[in-house]
Protein backbone atom coordinates (compact mmCIF):
# COMPACT_ATOMS: atom_id res chain seq x y z
CA MET A 1 35.43 -31.89 10.41
CA MET A 2 36.11 -28.71 9.10
CA THR A 3 35.69 -29.76 5.93
CA LYS A 4 32.13 -30.93 6.04
CA ARG A 5 31.14 -27.46 7.94
CA LEU A 6 32.13 -25.90 4.87
CA VAL A 7 30.78 -28.46 2.66
CA ARG A 8 27.34 -27.43 4.35
CA PHE A 9 28.43 -23.94 4.64
CA GLY A 10 28.41 -24.33 0.77
CA THR A 11 25.00 -26.42 0.24
CA ALA A 12 23.07 -23.79 2.01
CA VAL A 13 24.76 -20.65 0.68
CA MET A 14 24.17 -22.31 -2.95
CA THR A 15 20.25 -23.62 -1.86
CA THR A 16 19.70 -19.75 -1.13
CA LEU A 17 20.90 -18.91 -4.09
CA LEU A 18 19.20 -20.93 -6.30
CA ALA A 19 16.22 -20.44 -4.18
CA LEU A 20 16.59 -16.55 -4.53
CA VAL A 21 16.79 -17.31 -8.65
CA ILE A 22 13.78 -19.31 -8.89
CA LEU A 23 11.90 -16.89 -6.83
CA TRP A 24 13.10 -14.00 -8.95
CA GLN A 25 12.22 -15.97 -12.21
CA PHE A 26 8.48 -16.65 -10.44
CA ARG A 27 7.71 -13.05 -8.84
CA THR A 28 4.82 -12.38 -10.06
CA VAL A 29 3.10 -15.27 -8.76
CA ALA A 30 5.52 -14.94 -5.96
CA VAL A 31 3.43 -11.18 -5.45
CA TYR A 32 0.44 -13.32 -6.00
CA LEU A 33 0.72 -15.57 -3.18
CA LEU A 34 2.22 -13.08 -0.69
CA ALA A 35 -0.61 -10.84 -1.26
CA SER A 36 -3.48 -13.37 -1.18
CA PHE A 37 -1.53 -14.57 1.97
CA ALA A 38 -1.94 -11.10 3.42
CA LEU A 39 -5.15 -10.58 2.50
CA ALA A 40 -6.20 -14.18 4.77
CA ILE A 41 -4.40 -12.99 7.57
CA ALA A 42 -5.77 -9.76 7.60
CA ALA A 43 -9.70 -11.60 7.57
CA ARG A 44 -8.65 -14.22 9.84
CA PRO A 45 -10.00 -11.91 12.71
CA VAL A 46 -13.39 -12.34 11.13
CA ILE A 47 -13.56 -16.21 10.37
CA LYS A 48 -12.57 -16.88 13.58
CA HIS A 49 -15.60 -14.79 14.82
CA TRP A 50 -17.80 -16.21 12.54
CA VAL A 51 -16.39 -20.19 13.52
CA ARG A 52 -17.09 -19.52 17.26
CA GLN A 53 -21.13 -18.68 16.16
CA GLY A 54 -24.31 -20.67 15.68
CA LEU A 55 -25.17 -21.88 11.90
CA ALA A 56 -27.85 -19.17 11.83
CA LEU A 57 -26.10 -16.56 13.23
CA ARG A 58 -22.87 -17.27 10.99
CA LEU A 59 -24.98 -17.49 7.98
CA ALA A 60 -26.19 -13.95 8.79
CA LEU A 61 -22.85 -12.53 9.31
CA ILE A 62 -21.73 -13.97 6.18
CA LEU A 63 -24.95 -12.51 4.02
CA LEU A 64 -24.05 -8.95 5.77
CA TYR A 65 -20.08 -8.80 5.33
CA LEU A 66 -21.55 -9.63 1.26
CA VAL A 67 -23.54 -7.05 1.63
CA VAL A 68 -21.17 -4.79 3.33
CA LEU A 69 -18.42 -5.35 1.01
CA GLY A 70 -20.99 -5.15 -2.29
CA SER A 71 -21.77 -1.80 -0.98
CA LEU A 72 -18.03 -0.83 -0.98
CA GLY A 73 -17.76 -2.16 -4.75
CA LEU A 74 -20.36 0.17 -5.95
CA PHE A 75 -19.02 3.29 -4.38
CA LEU A 76 -15.60 2.65 -5.43
CA PHE A 77 -17.19 1.66 -9.14
CA MET A 78 -19.01 4.75 -9.04
CA ALA A 79 -16.40 6.99 -7.36
CA GLY A 80 -13.84 5.66 -9.60
CA ARG A 81 -16.82 6.93 -13.06
CA SER A 82 -16.75 10.03 -11.52
CA ALA A 83 -13.38 10.61 -11.42
CA ILE A 84 -12.98 9.47 -14.80
CA HIS A 85 -15.47 12.32 -15.59
CA GLU A 86 -13.50 15.00 -13.49
CA ILE A 87 -10.56 13.47 -15.16
CA GLN A 88 -12.13 14.17 -18.77
CA GLN A 89 -12.88 18.12 -17.54
CA MET A 90 -9.66 18.85 -16.10
CA THR A 91 -8.12 17.85 -19.71
CA SER A 92 -10.51 20.49 -21.14
CA ALA A 93 -9.81 22.69 -18.84
CA VAL A 94 -5.87 22.03 -19.35
CA ALA A 95 -6.41 22.42 -23.38
CA ALA A 96 -8.43 25.20 -23.60
CA GLN A 97 -6.50 27.37 -20.67
CA GLY A 98 -4.01 30.03 -22.33
CA GLU A 99 -1.97 30.78 -19.03
CA TRP A 100 -1.35 29.82 -15.62
CA THR A 101 -3.39 30.79 -12.33
CA LEU A 102 -0.84 32.81 -10.69
CA PRO A 103 -1.53 34.24 -6.39
CA GLN A 104 -2.48 38.13 -7.08
CA TRP A 105 0.42 39.62 -5.57
CA LEU A 106 2.88 37.82 -7.82
CA VAL A 107 1.02 39.67 -10.69
CA GLY A 108 3.38 41.89 -12.72
CA THR A 109 6.55 41.29 -10.80
CA PRO A 110 9.54 39.98 -12.28
CA PHE A 111 9.09 36.80 -10.80
CA GLN A 112 5.77 36.35 -12.35
CA GLN A 113 7.64 37.80 -15.83
CA THR A 114 10.29 35.54 -16.04
CA LEU A 115 8.42 32.34 -14.52
CA ILE A 116 5.83 33.04 -17.69
CA ALA A 117 7.80 33.38 -19.99
CA ARG A 118 10.06 30.03 -19.01
CA LEU A 119 6.90 28.24 -18.73
CA PRO A 120 5.07 26.64 -21.72
CA THR A 121 0.92 27.42 -20.79
CA PRO A 122 -1.16 24.63 -19.80
CA SER A 123 -2.36 24.30 -23.43
CA GLN A 124 0.81 23.82 -24.98
CA LEU A 125 1.94 21.40 -22.01
CA PHE A 126 -0.96 19.45 -22.83
CA GLU A 127 0.11 19.31 -26.80
CA ALA A 128 3.48 18.07 -25.98
CA VAL A 129 2.29 15.52 -23.90
CA THR A 130 -0.98 14.10 -26.55
CA GLY A 131 1.04 15.08 -29.77
CA ASP A 132 -0.24 17.10 -32.42
CA GLN A 133 -3.24 15.11 -33.41
CA GLY A 134 -3.31 13.18 -30.13
CA GLN A 135 -1.32 10.26 -31.52
CA HIS A 136 0.28 9.73 -28.08
CA VAL A 137 -2.84 8.89 -26.38
CA LEU A 138 -4.52 6.40 -27.90
CA PRO A 139 -1.72 3.58 -26.66
CA ALA A 140 -1.51 5.25 -23.17
CA ILE A 141 -5.34 4.19 -23.32
CA LEU A 142 -4.33 0.60 -23.98
CA GLY A 143 -1.75 0.90 -21.44
CA PHE A 144 -3.56 1.69 -19.13
CA THR A 145 -6.70 -0.81 -20.15
CA GLN A 146 -4.14 -3.39 -19.96
CA SER A 147 -3.14 -2.62 -16.38
CA ILE A 148 -6.53 -2.15 -15.48
CA GLY A 149 -7.52 -5.92 -17.10
CA SER A 150 -4.17 -6.84 -15.18
CA LEU A 151 -5.21 -5.83 -11.81
CA VAL A 152 -8.71 -7.03 -12.29
CA SER A 153 -7.61 -10.68 -12.80
CA GLY A 154 -4.61 -10.77 -10.41
CA ALA A 155 -7.59 -8.95 -7.65
CA VAL A 156 -9.42 -12.04 -8.70
CA ILE A 157 -6.89 -14.99 -8.68
CA VAL A 158 -5.74 -13.33 -4.94
CA LEU A 159 -9.32 -13.16 -3.38
CA PHE A 160 -10.03 -16.94 -4.65
CA LEU A 161 -6.24 -17.93 -2.83
CA SER A 162 -6.89 -15.87 0.00
CA PHE A 163 -10.31 -18.10 0.62
CA TYR A 164 -8.08 -21.20 0.08
CA TRP A 165 -5.50 -20.82 2.49
CA SER A 166 -8.52 -19.60 5.14
CA SER A 167 -10.12 -22.48 4.52
CA ASN A 168 -7.25 -25.30 5.31
CA GLN A 169 -5.13 -22.74 7.44
CA ILE A 170 -5.12 -25.70 10.04
CA HIS A 171 -4.05 -28.03 7.29
CA PHE A 172 -1.32 -26.13 6.03
CA GLU A 173 0.27 -25.02 9.32
CA GLN A 174 0.28 -29.04 10.31
CA LEU A 175 1.73 -29.95 7.40
CA TRP A 176 4.77 -27.50 7.29
CA LEU A 177 5.13 -27.57 10.61
CA SER A 178 5.63 -31.76 10.21
CA LEU A 179 8.95 -31.25 7.73
CA LEU A 180 10.65 -29.66 11.20
CA PRO A 181 12.09 -31.25 14.24
CA PRO A 182 9.46 -31.88 16.64
CA GLU A 183 11.99 -29.86 19.13
CA GLN A 184 11.58 -26.45 16.93
CA ARG A 185 7.81 -26.79 16.15
CA LYS A 186 6.75 -24.81 19.47
CA GLN A 187 9.22 -22.19 18.39
CA VAL A 188 8.16 -22.30 14.68
CA ARG A 189 4.88 -21.92 15.80
CA ASP A 190 5.05 -19.22 18.45
CA ILE A 191 7.31 -17.04 15.88
CA TRP A 192 4.62 -17.18 13.01
CA GLN A 193 1.98 -16.55 15.29
CA THR A 194 3.68 -13.45 16.50
CA ILE A 195 4.16 -12.24 12.54
CA GLU A 196 0.87 -13.36 11.72
CA LEU A 197 -0.50 -10.79 14.64
CA ASP A 198 1.62 -8.20 13.67
CA LEU A 199 1.01 -8.16 9.71
CA SER A 200 -2.78 -8.45 10.27
CA VAL A 201 -2.79 -5.50 12.29
CA TYR A 202 -0.78 -3.31 10.09
CA ILE A 203 -2.85 -4.54 7.20
CA ARG A 204 -6.34 -3.89 8.80
CA GLY A 205 -5.01 -0.49 10.01
CA GLN A 206 -3.73 0.71 6.71
CA ILE A 207 -7.09 -0.33 5.09
CA VAL A 208 -8.97 1.81 7.37
CA LEU A 209 -6.46 4.74 7.32
CA SER A 210 -6.52 4.93 3.34
CA LEU A 211 -11.06 4.70 3.32
CA LEU A 212 -10.89 7.03 6.36
CA ALA A 213 -8.47 9.33 4.16
CA GLY A 214 -10.31 8.92 1.32
CA LEU A 215 -13.91 10.16 3.04
CA LEU A 216 -13.01 12.44 5.12
CA LEU A 217 -11.13 14.41 2.19
CA GLY A 218 -14.09 13.92 -0.25
CA LEU A 219 -16.00 15.25 2.03
CA GLY A 220 -13.73 18.12 3.31
CA TYR A 221 -12.92 18.87 -0.75
CA TRP A 222 -16.79 19.08 -2.00
CA ALA A 223 -17.87 21.39 0.78
CA ILE A 224 -14.87 23.65 -0.56
CA GLY A 225 -16.41 23.60 -3.72
CA SER A 226 -13.66 21.70 -5.63
CA PRO A 227 -14.45 20.99 -9.10
CA TYR A 228 -12.44 17.69 -8.96
CA ALA A 229 -12.98 16.62 -4.91
CA LEU A 230 -13.86 12.96 -5.73
CA LEU A 231 -10.54 12.80 -8.31
CA LEU A 232 -8.11 14.52 -5.36
CA ALA A 233 -10.01 11.84 -2.62
CA LEU A 234 -9.17 9.16 -4.55
CA THR A 235 -5.52 9.94 -5.07
CA GLY A 236 -5.31 11.23 -1.46
CA ALA A 237 -6.25 7.64 -0.31
CA LEU A 238 -4.30 5.70 -3.01
CA VAL A 239 -1.63 7.59 -2.03
CA TYR A 240 -1.53 7.47 2.17
CA LEU A 241 -1.02 3.59 1.55
CA ILE A 242 2.19 4.86 0.50
CA PRO A 243 4.65 4.66 3.38
CA VAL A 244 6.90 7.33 4.32
CA PHE A 245 6.09 9.68 0.74
CA GLY A 246 2.40 9.16 0.90
CA ALA A 247 1.15 11.87 3.23
CA PRO A 248 3.27 14.47 1.02
CA LEU A 249 2.07 13.19 -2.24
CA ALA A 250 -1.35 13.96 -0.94
CA LEU A 251 -0.55 17.11 0.05
CA LEU A 252 1.11 17.78 -3.78
CA SER A 253 -1.62 16.73 -5.57
CA PRO A 254 -4.07 19.95 -4.87
CA LEU A 255 -1.33 22.25 -4.92
CA LEU A 256 -0.67 21.20 -8.55
CA VAL A 257 -4.81 21.27 -9.24
CA GLY A 258 -4.57 24.62 -7.60
CA LEU A 259 -2.70 25.82 -10.43
CA LEU A 260 -5.80 24.95 -12.78
CA THR A 261 -8.59 26.02 -10.58
CA GLY A 262 -7.51 28.91 -8.51
CA VAL A 263 -5.02 29.92 -5.58
CA GLN A 264 -7.85 30.36 -3.21
CA LEU A 265 -9.61 27.10 -3.60
CA SER A 266 -5.50 25.49 -3.65
CA LEU A 267 -4.54 27.13 -0.34
CA TRP A 268 -7.94 26.27 1.15
CA THR A 269 -7.49 22.35 -0.12
CA THR A 270 -4.16 21.86 0.48
CA LEU A 271 -4.66 23.38 4.36
CA TYR A 272 -7.36 20.82 4.88
CA THR A 273 -5.53 18.14 3.29
CA LEU A 274 -3.04 19.20 5.73
CA VAL A 275 -5.54 19.04 8.69
CA VAL A 276 -7.02 15.54 7.70
CA LEU A 277 -3.38 14.38 7.52
CA ILE A 278 -2.56 15.53 10.67
CA ALA A 279 -5.45 14.52 12.21
CA LEU A 280 -5.23 11.07 11.31
CA GLY A 281 -1.52 10.88 12.02
CA ALA A 282 -1.81 12.04 15.68
CA TRP A 283 -5.20 10.47 16.66
CA VAL A 284 -6.13 7.54 14.63
CA LYS A 285 -2.57 5.90 13.95
CA PRO A 286 -1.17 5.22 16.97
CA ARG A 287 -3.92 4.12 17.87
CA LEU A 288 -4.52 1.06 15.18
CA PHE A 289 -0.70 0.43 15.08
CA LYS A 290 0.91 -0.54 18.23
CA ARG A 291 3.69 -1.92 16.33
CA ARG A 292 6.42 -3.51 18.51
CA GLN A 293 8.55 -3.78 15.46
CA ASP A 294 9.60 -0.52 13.89
CA ASN A 295 13.59 0.14 12.58
CA PRO A 296 13.04 2.51 10.09
CA ILE A 297 16.74 2.20 8.74
CA LEU A 298 15.76 -1.15 7.77
CA THR A 299 11.97 -0.01 6.24
CA VAL A 300 13.83 2.42 4.12
CA VAL A 301 16.42 0.26 3.13
CA LEU A 302 13.62 -2.63 2.28
CA LEU A 303 11.62 0.33 0.58
CA MET A 304 14.47 1.55 -2.15
CA ALA A 305 15.31 -1.88 -2.85
CA LEU A 306 11.87 -3.37 -2.94
CA ALA A 307 10.51 -0.02 -5.50
CA ASP A 308 13.24 -0.64 -7.81
CA ALA A 309 12.13 -4.87 -8.05
CA PHE A 310 8.44 -4.42 -7.63
CA GLY A 311 7.62 -0.39 -8.34
CA LEU A 312 4.60 1.10 -6.07
CA LEU A 313 3.64 -2.64 -4.87
CA GLY A 314 7.25 -2.98 -3.41
CA ILE A 315 7.00 -0.09 -1.76
CA ILE A 316 4.01 -0.37 -0.19
CA ILE A 317 4.95 -4.50 1.08
CA ALA A 318 8.52 -3.08 2.43
CA PRO A 319 6.93 -1.97 6.22
CA PRO A 320 5.14 -5.28 7.17
CA LEU A 321 8.04 -7.69 5.18
CA SER A 322 10.50 -5.12 7.89
CA SER A 323 8.58 -6.33 10.62
CA ALA A 324 8.72 -9.73 10.23
CA CYS A 325 12.17 -9.95 9.84
CA GLN A 326 12.77 -7.76 12.54
CA ILE A 327 10.47 -10.30 14.49
CA LEU A 328 12.31 -13.08 13.46
CA TRP A 329 16.03 -11.53 13.89
CA SER A 330 14.81 -10.82 17.70
CA ARG A 331 13.52 -14.56 18.11
CA LEU A 332 16.22 -16.42 16.58
CA VAL A 333 19.18 -14.02 16.85
CA SER A 334 18.86 -11.59 19.77
CA ARG A 335 17.34 -14.23 22.39
CA ARG A 336 19.72 -16.35 21.42
CA ALA A 337 22.85 -14.84 22.24
CA VAL A 338 21.36 -13.41 25.33
CA ALA A 339 20.67 -16.79 26.18
CA GLY A 340 24.16 -17.98 24.92
CA SER A 341 25.41 -15.17 27.40
CA ALA A 342 23.68 -16.20 30.46
CA ALA A 343 24.88 -19.40 29.82
CA GLN A 344 28.75 -18.42 30.05
CA ILE A 345 28.12 -16.13 33.00
CA SER A 346 26.13 -19.17 35.21
CA ASP A 347 29.07 -21.06 34.37
CA LEU A 348 31.80 -18.32 35.80
């Protein structure tokens, strides 16, 4: 009897390790599948709303959503093009600037003299990064172009896969539930629905928060008079997707740009960024995220592990994966342990 248990345990361990090795070898495909699956989960409430309507209203809603998505895509394209123009302006300013912009109260102090003596000027730093004749620029441009091409092709694949998952949701659920014993299907379905609800709320909330952050930051930077308003707004919207470290990184970008544009403008943009982030965190985020599963230790551990394996994408997917693991633990382990303790007490 003990030998059979050992054989089963060893087989389970070896099968799990083999599955992990295969998953690691095909990790790019796995990331595409998970991203498309997450997008399908986030869009599922909208699709269910379409299904409940009549044919004419359904077509009108589809047309409305297509117009909204097209307008959003056009806006992002125009904003990206303007941000590229601002990057060109910034590089030209850095290449021509002979000294750093420091606060007036630091001018003439020993600290300012020591700092100027030890730090290279912006033009020297730009020349060190790009090379004497710009020989380092071409490889960077080629790498950036390849990254953009991979990102666009990956986004197209994810969109098509998410549409496929959404259109065949019932079929896939029936297929993988049929592989389980009949007495376990209801429990597994309940667990899956709980995970799906938590992930859909998280994904939609993160998208809304990122869009709100970009919109508010862009309008504020433009009103303040920053010459790099769109670039800073897009940077803030993107880094706000990063859990734990997103808000400090969003504050860091206007501070660094302030070394080029002026101390007063840097202080105003940083202060406005702080106000926007506090407002989003205090009033908007609690209304979007009502998560019951939130273990910060597990989230940080997964964040470090996935960041080492997948970089920025791993950092972004760490919180929903942590929530899914906690739901599985609470449903499969904690409740079973509580039920076993209750049974022992009743036997007494």
